[in-house]
Amino acid sequence: MEKNNFDDIYLARWISGDLTPEELSAFKKSKYYLDYKKINEGALAFKSPSFDRQSSLSRLEKSLKNKEDKKIKKLNLKWVYSAAAVLIIALGVLYFNPSNSIYETQYGEQLVVDLPDNSKVYLNSKSELEFKKENWLDNRVLNFNGEAFFDVEKGETFKVLSNEGVVEVLGTEFNVVSREDYFEIKCHEGKVKVSSNDKKELATLTIGKAFRINKEELEYWDFKEMKPSWLNGESSYNNTPIVQVIKSLENQYNINIDYTLIEENKRFTGSFTHSDLELALKTVFNPLNISYLKSGENSIVLNSKK
């Protein structure tokens, strides 16, 4: 998912015509450009109550002179216009997208999101969720990436879309992990249907059934836990590819793990705690005969033990 890196100062420079040709070209290639352009055009066409700018600035200067009892510099009108334009853009985003809800979690963070039908989504670390509130009753669709537990109200239906596949639900509880080349679903209650993005049905899961796609390979297994263990500060795995466990460690502890020196086809069954990095590393890598060495404040290098 493309990140929006255009802050207020950048937008103010764009509105004021101060971007370099290179910056303007990059901005126009962004998926956000047309939205900002539309908002800016709407702001320019917006008719506000009559306002004598020069008179107001004069009164402001006079007031400040009286308070400070000294001469002040005139305001930089270009800066004022830019700041005002950025404010209009911020308000415009709300006006043009009143129902667009986006939620993101950071490293080691969890978040509970309430959906319009009282269903809940529990986001694990480094996850993203997006949906529209305005027409939710007619279009129950969520865009998702990362890991989350969905607690869906009885009788309510919706689809969870991700880059790796689609999950359709009807009043159920399930956990989803969607990352590049990896898609995992565990049904904790009710029933879920799993499809590929080209609408090919892959699996129908009932309580205690799990399914994953790992680099295009399909796997099925059973489990017993009533809720995902990560909700209580511990991530658990069943014959999970070690690369996925490593990504979870990175997301939880905000670290970078170099695993180029180990066999990526290793699998891990077990769990690691969210509260102690050293213990988590030992729990995951010692049983797999993998050594780990801290390299810098937030870096770990893995190697297979001889």
Protein backbone atom coordinates (compact mmCIF):
# COMPACT_ATOMS: atom_id res chain seq x y z
CA MET A 1 0.00 0.00 0.00
CA GLU A 2 1.41 3.37 -1.04
CA LYS A 3 2.12 5.67 1.92
CA ASN A 4 0.98 9.31 1.96
CA ASN A 5 4.22 11.20 2.68
CA PHE A 6 2.91 14.63 1.68
CA ASP A 7 2.83 16.68 4.87
CA ASP A 8 1.36 20.15 5.43
CA ILE A 9 4.55 21.99 4.42
CA TYR A 10 4.83 20.00 1.19
CA LEU A 11 1.17 20.71 0.31
CA ALA A 12 1.60 24.39 1.14
CA ARG A 13 4.59 24.59 -1.24
CA TRP A 14 2.52 22.86 -3.94
CA ILE A 15 -0.37 25.28 -3.55
CA SER A 16 2.03 28.22 -3.57
CA GLY A 17 3.78 26.92 -6.70
CA ASP A 18 7.10 26.43 -4.91
CA LEU A 19 7.71 22.74 -5.70
CA THR A 20 10.71 21.94 -7.86
CA PRO A 21 9.96 20.34 -11.26
CA GLU A 22 11.20 17.02 -9.87
CA GLU A 23 8.98 17.25 -6.79
CA LEU A 24 5.95 18.24 -8.85
CA SER A 25 6.53 15.35 -11.26
CA ALA A 26 6.77 12.87 -8.37
CA PHE A 27 3.64 14.32 -6.76
CA LYS A 28 1.64 13.99 -9.98
CA LYS A 29 2.63 10.31 -10.23
CA SER A 30 1.29 9.65 -6.71
CA LYS A 31 -2.14 8.06 -6.35
CA TYR A 32 -3.03 10.92 -3.97
CA TYR A 33 -2.49 13.72 -6.51
CA LEU A 34 -5.92 13.66 -8.15
CA ASP A 35 -7.64 13.65 -4.75
CA TYR A 36 -5.68 16.68 -3.55
CA LYS A 37 -6.20 18.42 -6.90
CA LYS A 38 -9.96 17.88 -6.65
CA ILE A 39 -10.02 19.18 -3.08
CA ASN A 40 -7.93 22.22 -3.94
CA GLU A 41 -10.15 23.08 -6.91
CA GLY A 42 -13.20 22.77 -4.68
CA ALA A 43 -11.56 25.02 -2.10
CA LEU A 44 -10.82 27.66 -4.73
CA ALA A 45 -14.44 27.60 -5.83
CA PHE A 46 -15.70 27.80 -2.26
CA LYS A 47 -17.36 31.14 -1.49
CA SER A 48 -16.77 32.32 2.04
CA PRO A 49 -18.37 35.32 3.75
CA SER A 50 -17.01 38.69 2.64
CA PHE A 51 -13.66 39.42 4.25
CA ASP A 52 -11.50 42.55 4.03
CA ARG A 53 -8.05 40.97 4.23
CA GLN A 54 -6.04 44.20 4.29
CA SER A 55 -8.26 45.82 6.91
CA SER A 56 -8.09 42.73 9.13
CA LEU A 57 -4.30 42.54 8.86
CA SER A 58 -4.04 46.22 9.75
CA ARG A 59 -6.17 45.71 12.84
CA LEU A 60 -4.09 42.71 13.83
CA GLU A 61 -0.84 44.67 13.48
CA LYS A 62 -2.26 47.56 15.48
CA SER A 63 -3.39 45.22 18.27
CA LEU A 64 0.00 43.55 18.48
CA LYS A 65 1.75 46.92 18.53
CA ASN A 66 -0.34 48.03 21.48
CA LYS A 67 0.41 44.83 23.42
CA GLU A 68 4.10 44.64 22.66
CA ASP A 69 4.65 48.41 22.51
CA LYS A 70 7.10 47.99 19.68
CA LYS A 71 7.10 47.80 15.90
CA ILE A 72 6.38 44.37 14.41
CA LYS A 73 7.19 42.99 11.01
CA LYS A 74 4.37 42.60 8.54
CA LEU A 75 3.06 39.10 8.10
CA ASN A 76 4.34 37.10 5.16
CA LEU A 77 1.12 36.94 3.13
CA LYS A 78 2.40 34.07 1.00
CA TRP A 79 2.90 31.99 4.13
CA VAL A 80 -0.55 32.96 5.43
CA TYR A 81 -2.21 31.95 2.16
CA SER A 82 -0.33 28.62 2.15
CA ALA A 83 -1.25 27.83 5.73
CA ALA A 84 -4.88 28.72 5.06
CA ALA A 85 -4.90 26.56 1.94
CA VAL A 86 -3.54 23.59 3.88
CA LEU A 87 -6.32 24.05 6.44
CA ILE A 88 -8.90 24.11 3.64
CA ILE A 89 -7.40 20.92 2.22
CA ALA A 90 -7.62 19.24 5.63
CA LEU A 91 -11.28 20.23 5.91
CA GLY A 92 -11.82 19.26 2.29
CA VAL A 93 -10.59 15.74 2.94
CA LEU A 94 -13.27 15.38 5.57
CA TYR A 95 -15.87 16.90 3.24
CA PHE A 96 -15.10 14.70 0.25
CA ASN A 97 -14.46 11.51 2.29
CA PRO A 98 -16.82 11.71 5.28
CA SER A 99 -17.11 7.93 5.66
CA ASN A 100 -13.65 6.64 4.83
CA SER A 101 -12.10 5.06 7.92
CA ILE A 102 -8.46 3.96 7.99
CA TYR A 103 -6.76 2.33 10.96
CA GLU A 104 -3.08 1.36 11.32
CA THR A 105 -1.07 -0.14 14.16
CA GLN A 106 2.62 0.41 14.80
CA TYR A 107 5.32 -1.94 16.11
CA GLY A 108 4.14 -3.77 19.22
CA GLU A 109 0.75 -2.03 19.12
CA GLN A 110 -2.75 -3.52 19.20
CA LEU A 111 -6.01 -1.74 18.41
CA VAL A 112 -9.74 -2.56 18.68
CA VAL A 113 -11.91 -1.15 15.88
CA ASP A 114 -15.70 -1.00 16.17
CA LEU A 115 -17.54 -1.53 12.88
CA PRO A 116 -20.91 0.15 12.14
CA ASP A 117 -22.83 -3.10 12.82
CA ASN A 118 -21.17 -3.51 16.28
CA SER A 119 -18.77 -6.15 14.98
CA LYS A 120 -15.22 -5.71 16.26
CA VAL A 121 -11.79 -6.04 14.66
CA TYR A 122 -8.73 -6.56 16.84
CA LEU A 123 -5.65 -5.42 14.93
CA ASN A 124 -2.28 -6.92 15.79
CA SER A 125 0.99 -4.99 15.32
CA LYS A 126 1.86 -3.46 11.90
CA SER A 127 -1.59 -4.02 10.41
CA GLU A 128 -3.93 -1.87 8.31
CA LEU A 129 -7.72 -1.79 8.00
CA GLU A 130 -9.87 0.41 5.75
CA PHE A 131 -13.63 0.59 5.16
CA LYS A 132 -16.40 3.07 4.36
CA LYS A 133 -18.98 3.90 7.02
CA GLU A 134 -21.39 5.80 4.79
CA ASN A 135 -22.81 2.86 2.83
CA TRP A 136 -21.76 0.05 5.16
CA LEU A 137 -25.22 -1.56 5.24
CA ASP A 138 -25.17 -1.91 1.44
CA ASN A 139 -21.49 -2.62 0.93
CA ARG A 140 -19.88 -4.51 3.82
CA VAL A 141 -16.32 -4.68 2.50
CA LEU A 142 -13.04 -4.14 4.35
CA ASN A 143 -9.55 -3.82 2.92
CA PHE A 144 -6.97 -5.42 5.17
CA ASN A 145 -3.28 -6.23 5.50
CA GLY A 146 -1.40 -7.72 8.47
CA GLU A 147 -3.00 -9.79 11.25
CA ALA A 148 -6.39 -9.34 12.89
CA PHE A 149 -9.09 -11.17 14.82
CA PHE A 150 -12.65 -10.50 13.62
CA ASP A 151 -15.59 -10.85 16.03
CA VAL A 152 -18.65 -10.54 13.76
CA GLU A 153 -22.18 -9.90 15.05
CA LYS A 154 -24.61 -12.79 14.57
CA GLY A 155 -26.42 -12.58 11.23
CA GLU A 156 -24.09 -9.90 9.85
CA THR A 157 -22.08 -10.53 6.71
CA PHE A 158 -19.10 -8.86 5.11
CA LYS A 159 -15.99 -9.51 3.04
CA VAL A 160 -12.38 -9.02 4.05
CA LEU A 161 -10.25 -8.19 1.01
CA SER A 162 -6.47 -8.49 1.01
CA ASN A 163 -3.67 -8.74 -1.51
CA GLU A 164 -3.49 -12.49 -0.92
CA GLY A 165 -7.18 -13.48 -0.90
CA VAL A 166 -10.76 -12.89 0.23
CA VAL A 167 -12.65 -14.06 3.33
CA GLU A 168 -16.46 -14.04 3.40
CA VAL A 169 -18.16 -14.29 6.79
CA LEU A 170 -21.58 -14.61 8.40
CA GLY A 171 -21.73 -14.04 12.16
CA THR A 172 -18.48 -15.68 13.18
CA GLU A 173 -15.08 -15.27 14.81
CA PHE A 174 -11.89 -15.79 12.83
CA ASN A 175 -8.23 -14.77 12.66
CA VAL A 176 -6.52 -13.64 9.45
CA VAL A 177 -2.87 -13.17 8.55
CA SER A 178 -2.28 -11.56 5.16
CA ARG A 179 1.27 -10.78 4.10
CA GLU A 180 3.19 -11.02 0.85
CA ASP A 181 2.98 -14.62 -0.44
CA TYR A 182 1.26 -15.75 2.76
CA PHE A 183 -2.44 -16.03 3.70
CA GLU A 184 -3.70 -17.77 6.85
CA ILE A 185 -7.24 -18.10 8.27
CA LYS A 186 -8.36 -19.78 11.50
CA CYS A 187 -12.09 -20.12 12.21
CA HIS A 188 -12.85 -19.80 15.94
CA GLU A 189 -16.65 -19.83 15.60
CA GLY A 190 -19.27 -20.17 12.86
CA LYS A 191 -18.18 -20.54 9.23
CA VAL A 192 -15.98 -18.66 6.79
CA LYS A 193 -15.42 -19.04 3.05
CA VAL A 194 -11.95 -18.37 1.63
CA SER A 195 -11.43 -17.38 -2.00
CA SER A 196 -8.61 -16.17 -4.18
CA ASN A 197 -8.73 -12.66 -5.64
CA ASP A 198 -9.88 -14.14 -8.95
CA LYS A 199 -12.97 -15.53 -7.09
CA LYS A 200 -11.78 -19.15 -7.04
CA GLU A 201 -13.10 -20.81 -3.88
CA LEU A 202 -10.26 -22.29 -1.83
CA ALA A 203 -11.81 -23.50 1.43
CA THR A 204 -14.86 -23.39 3.70
CA LEU A 205 -13.84 -23.45 7.35
CA THR A 206 -15.87 -24.29 10.45
CA ILE A 207 -14.91 -23.98 14.12
CA GLY A 208 -11.44 -25.39 14.85
CA LYS A 209 -10.39 -25.53 11.19
CA ALA A 210 -7.47 -23.58 9.72
CA PHE A 211 -6.11 -22.94 6.25
CA ARG A 212 -3.05 -21.25 4.78
CA ILE A 213 -1.48 -20.44 1.45
CA ASN A 214 2.28 -20.37 1.67
CA LYS A 215 3.93 -19.42 -1.61
CA GLU A 216 0.97 -20.91 -3.54
CA GLU A 217 0.96 -24.14 -1.51
CA LEU A 218 -2.34 -24.93 0.27
CA GLU A 219 -2.30 -26.39 3.81
CA TYR A 220 -5.08 -27.40 6.22
CA TRP A 221 -5.00 -28.26 9.95
CA ASP A 222 -7.08 -28.32 13.15
CA PHE A 223 -6.62 -26.26 16.31
CA LYS A 224 -8.26 -26.04 19.76
CA GLU A 225 -7.78 -22.53 21.22
CA MET A 226 -10.96 -20.48 21.60
CA LYS A 227 -9.28 -17.12 20.92
CA PRO A 228 -5.97 -16.14 19.29
CA SER A 229 -3.24 -16.19 21.91
CA TRP A 230 -1.77 -12.90 20.67
CA LEU A 231 -4.74 -11.10 22.24
CA ASN A 232 -3.21 -12.07 25.60
CA GLY A 233 0.41 -11.17 24.87
CA GLU A 234 1.70 -14.39 23.30
CA SER A 235 1.87 -15.42 19.63
CA SER A 236 1.37 -19.14 18.92
CA TYR A 237 2.16 -21.16 15.78
CA ASN A 238 1.49 -24.59 14.33
CA ASN A 239 4.07 -25.86 11.85
CA THR A 240 4.40 -22.28 10.58
CA PRO A 241 7.13 -21.28 8.08
CA ILE A 242 9.96 -19.71 10.07
CA VAL A 243 9.99 -16.62 7.84
CA GLN A 244 6.44 -15.77 9.01
CA VAL A 245 7.44 -16.19 12.65
CA ILE A 246 10.42 -13.90 12.04
CA LYS A 247 8.14 -11.25 10.53
CA SER A 248 5.90 -11.45 13.59
CA LEU A 249 8.92 -10.98 15.87
CA GLU A 250 10.00 -7.95 13.85
CA ASN A 251 6.52 -6.42 14.00
CA GLN A 252 6.17 -7.02 17.71
CA TYR A 253 9.59 -5.80 18.85
CA ASN A 254 10.48 -3.23 16.16
CA ILE A 255 13.65 -5.07 15.16
CA ASN A 256 15.27 -6.20 11.92
CA ILE A 257 16.23 -9.88 11.65
CA ASP A 258 18.72 -11.03 9.02
CA TYR A 259 17.87 -14.67 8.18
CA THR A 260 19.91 -15.07 4.97
CA LEU A 261 22.21 -17.62 6.64
CA ILE A 262 19.50 -20.09 7.70
CA GLU A 263 17.28 -22.51 5.79
CA GLU A 264 14.01 -20.75 5.00
CA ASN A 265 12.08 -24.03 4.75
CA LYS A 266 12.27 -24.57 8.52
CA ARG A 267 8.95 -24.74 10.41
CA PHE A 268 8.12 -23.65 13.96
CA THR A 269 5.52 -24.99 16.39
CA GLY A 270 5.24 -23.15 19.68
CA SER A 271 4.85 -19.59 20.92
CA PHE A 272 6.76 -16.48 21.96
CA THR A 273 6.01 -13.78 24.52
CA HIS A 274 5.38 -10.13 23.64
CA SER A 275 7.02 -8.80 26.81
CA ASP A 276 10.62 -10.10 26.73
CA LEU A 277 12.68 -10.03 23.52
CA GLU A 278 15.52 -12.22 24.80
CA LEU A 279 13.10 -14.90 25.99
CA ALA A 280 11.18 -14.70 22.70
CA LEU A 281 14.36 -15.24 20.67
CA LYS A 282 15.41 -18.21 22.78
CA THR A 283 11.93 -19.78 22.59
CA VAL A 284 11.79 -19.59 18.80
CA PHE A 285 15.35 -20.26 17.66
CA ASN A 286 16.88 -22.64 20.22
CA PRO A 287 14.53 -25.55 19.33
CA LEU A 288 15.42 -25.05 15.65
CA ASN A 289 19.16 -25.12 16.35
CA ILE A 290 19.54 -21.54 15.13
CA SER A 291 21.91 -19.08 16.81
CA TYR A 292 21.19 -15.37 17.01
CA LEU A 293 23.54 -12.45 17.49
CA LYS A 294 22.55 -8.87 18.25
CA SER A 295 24.07 -6.49 15.73
CA GLY A 296 23.36 -2.93 16.76
CA GLU A 297 20.46 -1.70 18.85
CA ASN A 298 17.62 -3.10 16.74
CA SER A 299 19.23 -5.76 14.54
CA ILE A 300 19.55 -9.52 14.92
CA VAL A 301 21.59 -11.85 12.70
CA LEU A 302 20.62 -15.55 12.52
CA ASN A 303 22.88 -18.48 11.70
CA SER A 304 22.46 -22.24 11.71
CA LYS A 305 24.36 -23.93 14.54
CA LYS A 306 27.06 -26.36 13.45
